[in-house]
N, C-alpha and C. Protein backbone atom coordinates (compact mmCIF):
# COMPACT_ATOMS: atom_id res chain seq x y z
N UNK A 1 25.34 14.15 1.15
CA UNK A 1 24.60 15.39 0.99
C UNK A 1 23.47 15.18 -0.01
N UNK A 2 22.28 15.73 0.27
CA UNK A 2 21.14 15.58 -0.62
C UNK A 2 21.29 16.49 -1.83
N UNK A 3 21.17 15.91 -3.00
CA UNK A 3 21.23 16.68 -4.23
C UNK A 3 19.81 17.07 -4.62
N UNK A 4 19.60 18.35 -4.91
CA UNK A 4 18.26 18.79 -5.30
C UNK A 4 18.00 18.41 -6.75
N UNK A 5 16.80 17.91 -6.99
CA UNK A 5 16.40 17.53 -8.33
C UNK A 5 15.15 18.31 -8.69
N UNK A 6 15.00 18.60 -9.96
CA UNK A 6 13.83 19.31 -10.43
C UNK A 6 12.67 18.34 -10.58
N UNK A 7 11.48 18.77 -10.17
CA UNK A 7 10.28 17.95 -10.31
C UNK A 7 9.23 18.78 -11.02
N UNK A 8 8.80 18.34 -12.18
CA UNK A 8 7.76 19.03 -12.94
C UNK A 8 6.44 18.32 -12.69
N UNK A 9 5.50 19.02 -12.09
CA UNK A 9 4.18 18.45 -11.79
C UNK A 9 3.12 19.11 -12.66
N UNK A 10 2.19 18.32 -13.13
CA UNK A 10 1.05 18.84 -13.89
C UNK A 10 -0.19 18.66 -13.03
N UNK A 11 -1.12 19.59 -13.14
CA UNK A 11 -2.36 19.51 -12.37
C UNK A 11 -3.50 20.05 -13.23
N UNK A 12 -4.63 19.36 -13.23
CA UNK A 12 -5.76 19.85 -14.02
C UNK A 12 -6.46 20.97 -13.26
N UNK A 13 -7.27 21.73 -13.96
CA UNK A 13 -7.91 22.92 -13.38
C UNK A 13 -8.78 22.60 -12.17
N UNK A 14 -9.57 21.52 -12.24
CA UNK A 14 -10.45 21.19 -11.11
C UNK A 14 -9.65 20.84 -9.87
N UNK A 15 -8.60 20.06 -10.04
CA UNK A 15 -7.79 19.67 -8.90
C UNK A 15 -7.02 20.85 -8.32
N UNK A 16 -6.61 21.78 -9.16
CA UNK A 16 -5.83 22.93 -8.69
C UNK A 16 -6.64 23.84 -7.77
N UNK A 17 -7.96 23.76 -7.84
CA UNK A 17 -8.82 24.57 -6.97
C UNK A 17 -8.80 24.06 -5.54
N UNK A 18 -8.45 22.80 -5.35
CA UNK A 18 -8.38 22.22 -4.02
C UNK A 18 -9.75 21.98 -3.42
N UNK A 19 -9.75 21.55 -2.18
CA UNK A 19 -10.98 21.32 -1.43
C UNK A 19 -10.81 21.95 -0.06
N UNK A 20 -11.91 22.23 0.59
CA UNK A 20 -11.88 22.80 1.93
C UNK A 20 -12.13 21.69 2.94
N UNK A 21 -11.45 21.77 4.07
CA UNK A 21 -11.67 20.82 5.16
C UNK A 21 -11.50 21.57 6.47
N UNK A 22 -12.25 21.15 7.47
CA UNK A 22 -12.09 21.73 8.81
C UNK A 22 -11.32 20.79 9.72
N UNK A 23 -11.12 19.56 9.30
CA UNK A 23 -10.43 18.59 10.14
C UNK A 23 -9.95 17.42 9.29
N UNK A 24 -9.19 16.54 9.91
CA UNK A 24 -8.70 15.36 9.21
C UNK A 24 -8.77 14.17 10.16
N UNK A 25 -9.19 13.05 9.63
CA UNK A 25 -9.22 11.79 10.36
C UNK A 25 -8.09 10.94 9.81
N UNK A 26 -7.22 10.45 10.69
CA UNK A 26 -6.05 9.68 10.25
C UNK A 26 -6.22 8.24 10.70
N UNK A 27 -6.16 7.32 9.74
CA UNK A 27 -6.22 5.90 10.06
C UNK A 27 -4.99 5.23 9.45
N UNK A 28 -4.53 4.16 10.10
CA UNK A 28 -3.34 3.48 9.62
C UNK A 28 -3.62 1.99 9.43
N UNK A 29 -2.87 1.42 8.52
CA UNK A 29 -2.89 -0.03 8.33
C UNK A 29 -1.43 -0.49 8.35
N UNK A 30 -1.21 -1.76 8.08
CA UNK A 30 0.16 -2.27 8.08
C UNK A 30 1.00 -1.65 6.97
N UNK A 31 0.36 -1.22 5.88
CA UNK A 31 1.14 -0.72 4.75
C UNK A 31 0.98 0.77 4.45
N UNK A 32 -0.11 1.39 4.91
CA UNK A 32 -0.26 2.81 4.57
C UNK A 32 -1.02 3.60 5.63
N UNK A 33 -1.09 4.90 5.37
CA UNK A 33 -1.81 5.83 6.23
C UNK A 33 -2.87 6.48 5.35
N UNK A 34 -4.08 6.60 5.88
CA UNK A 34 -5.18 7.23 5.15
C UNK A 34 -5.53 8.54 5.85
N UNK A 35 -5.52 9.64 5.08
CA UNK A 35 -5.93 10.94 5.58
C UNK A 35 -7.29 11.25 4.96
N UNK A 36 -8.33 11.31 5.79
CA UNK A 36 -9.67 11.65 5.32
C UNK A 36 -9.97 13.07 5.78
N UNK A 37 -9.94 14.01 4.85
CA UNK A 37 -10.22 15.41 5.16
C UNK A 37 -11.72 15.61 5.09
N UNK A 38 -12.27 16.33 6.08
CA UNK A 38 -13.72 16.52 6.10
C UNK A 38 -14.11 17.88 6.65
N UNK A 39 -15.35 18.24 6.36
CA UNK A 39 -15.96 19.46 6.90
C UNK A 39 -16.98 19.01 7.93
N UNK A 40 -16.84 19.52 9.13
CA UNK A 40 -17.78 19.20 10.20
C UNK A 40 -19.04 20.03 10.00
N UNK A 41 -20.19 19.36 9.92
CA UNK A 41 -21.46 20.03 9.67
C UNK A 41 -22.21 20.35 10.95
N UNK A 42 -22.03 19.55 11.94
CA UNK A 42 -22.75 19.73 13.20
C UNK A 42 -22.35 18.63 14.15
N UNK A 43 -23.11 18.50 15.21
CA UNK A 43 -22.82 17.50 16.24
C UNK A 43 -22.74 16.10 15.64
N UNK A 44 -21.52 15.58 15.50
CA UNK A 44 -21.34 14.21 15.02
C UNK A 44 -21.60 13.99 13.55
N UNK A 45 -21.67 15.05 12.74
CA UNK A 45 -21.92 14.89 11.31
C UNK A 45 -20.90 15.66 10.51
N UNK A 46 -20.44 15.06 9.43
CA UNK A 46 -19.49 15.71 8.56
C UNK A 46 -19.53 15.11 7.17
N UNK A 47 -18.83 15.78 6.25
CA UNK A 47 -18.74 15.31 4.87
C UNK A 47 -17.26 15.22 4.50
N UNK A 48 -16.83 14.05 4.03
CA UNK A 48 -15.46 13.88 3.58
C UNK A 48 -15.32 14.61 2.24
N UNK A 49 -14.30 15.49 2.16
CA UNK A 49 -14.07 16.26 0.94
C UNK A 49 -12.88 15.75 0.14
N UNK A 50 -12.00 14.97 0.78
CA UNK A 50 -10.86 14.37 0.07
C UNK A 50 -10.30 13.25 0.92
N UNK A 51 -9.70 12.29 0.25
CA UNK A 51 -9.07 11.17 0.95
C UNK A 51 -7.76 10.86 0.24
N UNK A 52 -6.69 10.73 1.03
CA UNK A 52 -5.36 10.48 0.48
C UNK A 52 -4.75 9.28 1.21
N UNK A 53 -4.19 8.35 0.44
CA UNK A 53 -3.48 7.20 0.99
C UNK A 53 -1.99 7.40 0.73
N UNK A 54 -1.19 7.25 1.79
CA UNK A 54 0.26 7.44 1.69
C UNK A 54 0.98 6.23 2.29
N UNK A 55 2.16 5.90 1.74
CA UNK A 55 2.98 4.91 2.44
C UNK A 55 3.35 5.47 3.82
N UNK A 56 3.54 4.59 4.79
CA UNK A 56 3.85 5.05 6.15
C UNK A 56 5.09 5.93 6.20
N UNK A 57 6.13 5.62 5.44
CA UNK A 57 7.35 6.41 5.47
C UNK A 57 7.09 7.83 4.96
N UNK A 58 6.25 7.96 3.94
CA UNK A 58 5.90 9.28 3.42
C UNK A 58 5.11 10.07 4.45
N UNK A 59 4.20 9.40 5.16
CA UNK A 59 3.42 10.06 6.21
C UNK A 59 4.34 10.56 7.32
N UNK A 60 5.35 9.77 7.69
CA UNK A 60 6.31 10.21 8.70
C UNK A 60 7.09 11.42 8.23
N UNK A 61 7.53 11.40 6.99
CA UNK A 61 8.25 12.56 6.43
C UNK A 61 7.35 13.78 6.39
N UNK A 62 6.08 13.58 6.04
CA UNK A 62 5.13 14.68 5.99
C UNK A 62 4.90 15.26 7.39
N UNK A 63 4.80 14.40 8.40
CA UNK A 63 4.61 14.86 9.77
C UNK A 63 5.78 15.74 10.21
N UNK A 64 7.00 15.33 9.87
CA UNK A 64 8.18 16.13 10.21
C UNK A 64 8.16 17.47 9.50
N UNK A 65 7.78 17.46 8.24
CA UNK A 65 7.72 18.70 7.46
C UNK A 65 6.63 19.64 8.00
N UNK A 66 5.48 19.09 8.34
CA UNK A 66 4.41 19.92 8.90
C UNK A 66 4.87 20.54 10.22
N UNK A 67 5.52 19.75 11.07
CA UNK A 67 6.02 20.27 12.35
C UNK A 67 7.00 21.41 12.11
N UNK A 68 7.88 21.23 11.14
CA UNK A 68 8.88 22.27 10.82
C UNK A 68 8.21 23.53 10.29
N UNK A 69 7.22 23.36 9.41
CA UNK A 69 6.58 24.51 8.78
C UNK A 69 5.56 25.21 9.68
N UNK A 70 4.84 24.45 10.49
CA UNK A 70 3.78 25.01 11.31
C UNK A 70 4.26 25.36 12.72
N UNK A 71 5.38 24.78 13.14
CA UNK A 71 5.92 25.03 14.48
C UNK A 71 6.03 26.50 14.84
N UNK A 72 6.63 27.35 13.98
CA UNK A 72 6.73 28.77 14.32
C UNK A 72 5.35 29.43 14.52
N UNK A 73 4.35 29.04 13.73
CA UNK A 73 3.01 29.59 13.90
C UNK A 73 2.44 29.16 15.25
N UNK A 74 2.67 27.91 15.64
CA UNK A 74 2.17 27.44 16.93
C UNK A 74 2.79 28.22 18.07
N UNK A 75 4.08 28.49 17.99
CA UNK A 75 4.75 29.29 19.02
C UNK A 75 4.13 30.68 19.10
N UNK A 76 3.88 31.30 17.95
CA UNK A 76 3.26 32.62 17.91
C UNK A 76 1.85 32.57 18.51
N UNK A 77 1.08 31.57 18.13
CA UNK A 77 -0.28 31.41 18.65
C UNK A 77 -0.27 31.20 20.16
N UNK A 78 0.66 30.38 20.66
CA UNK A 78 0.77 30.14 22.11
C UNK A 78 1.06 31.44 22.85
N UNK A 79 1.92 32.29 22.28
CA UNK A 79 2.24 33.58 22.91
C UNK A 79 1.01 34.50 22.94
N UNK A 80 0.24 34.50 21.86
CA UNK A 80 -0.97 35.33 21.79
C UNK A 80 -1.99 34.85 22.82
N UNK A 81 -2.18 33.53 22.91
CA UNK A 81 -3.16 32.96 23.84
C UNK A 81 -2.77 33.27 25.29
N UNK A 82 -1.47 33.24 25.61
CA UNK A 82 -1.01 33.55 26.96
C UNK A 82 -1.40 34.96 27.38
N UNK A 83 -1.45 35.88 26.41
CA UNK A 83 -1.74 37.29 26.70
C UNK A 83 -3.25 37.58 26.78
N UNK A 84 -4.06 36.62 26.36
CA UNK A 84 -5.51 36.82 26.35
C UNK A 84 -6.08 36.62 27.75
N UNK A 85 -7.16 37.35 28.07
CA UNK A 85 -7.82 37.12 29.37
C UNK A 85 -8.46 35.74 29.38
N UNK A 86 -8.64 35.15 30.56
CA UNK A 86 -9.27 33.82 30.64
C UNK A 86 -10.67 33.83 30.03
N UNK A 87 -11.04 32.72 29.39
CA UNK A 87 -12.37 32.59 28.79
C UNK A 87 -13.40 32.26 29.87
N UNK A 88 -14.60 32.80 29.71
CA UNK A 88 -15.71 32.43 30.58
C UNK A 88 -16.20 31.05 30.16
N UNK A 89 -16.94 30.38 31.04
CA UNK A 89 -17.52 29.08 30.70
C UNK A 89 -18.35 29.23 29.43
N UNK A 90 -18.28 28.23 28.56
CA UNK A 90 -19.07 28.25 27.34
C UNK A 90 -18.44 29.04 26.22
N UNK A 91 -17.15 29.42 26.37
CA UNK A 91 -16.46 30.15 25.32
C UNK A 91 -16.31 29.32 24.07
N UNK A 92 -15.87 29.97 23.02
CA UNK A 92 -15.79 29.27 21.73
C UNK A 92 -14.43 28.67 21.45
N UNK A 93 -13.43 28.93 22.28
CA UNK A 93 -12.11 28.33 22.03
C UNK A 93 -12.17 26.84 22.27
N UNK A 94 -11.74 26.08 21.28
CA UNK A 94 -11.79 24.62 21.38
C UNK A 94 -10.62 24.12 22.22
N UNK A 95 -10.93 23.31 23.22
CA UNK A 95 -9.93 22.61 24.01
C UNK A 95 -8.87 23.50 24.63
N UNK A 96 -9.19 24.63 25.10
CA UNK A 96 -8.21 25.51 25.75
C UNK A 96 -8.58 25.69 27.19
């Protein structure tokens, strides 16, 4: 059984404000995973706002946690989209 342990984290004021991103580019190597968060500016242009390197095992654990946390929202979103009328050509919904 997993025993819960307390973790005290400190964060400076600038870092606590976070950064904004509209997307993430994920690249992998033999030893780690790189998450490059960026804001898309236009056709084929963007600015990286943060970059995080993680061990592969941590990235796998994070993927499972994201699926668990975001899964219910995806189900809700899928139900909402099913009830919407079909989009006309040139609509703004991405990849639907």
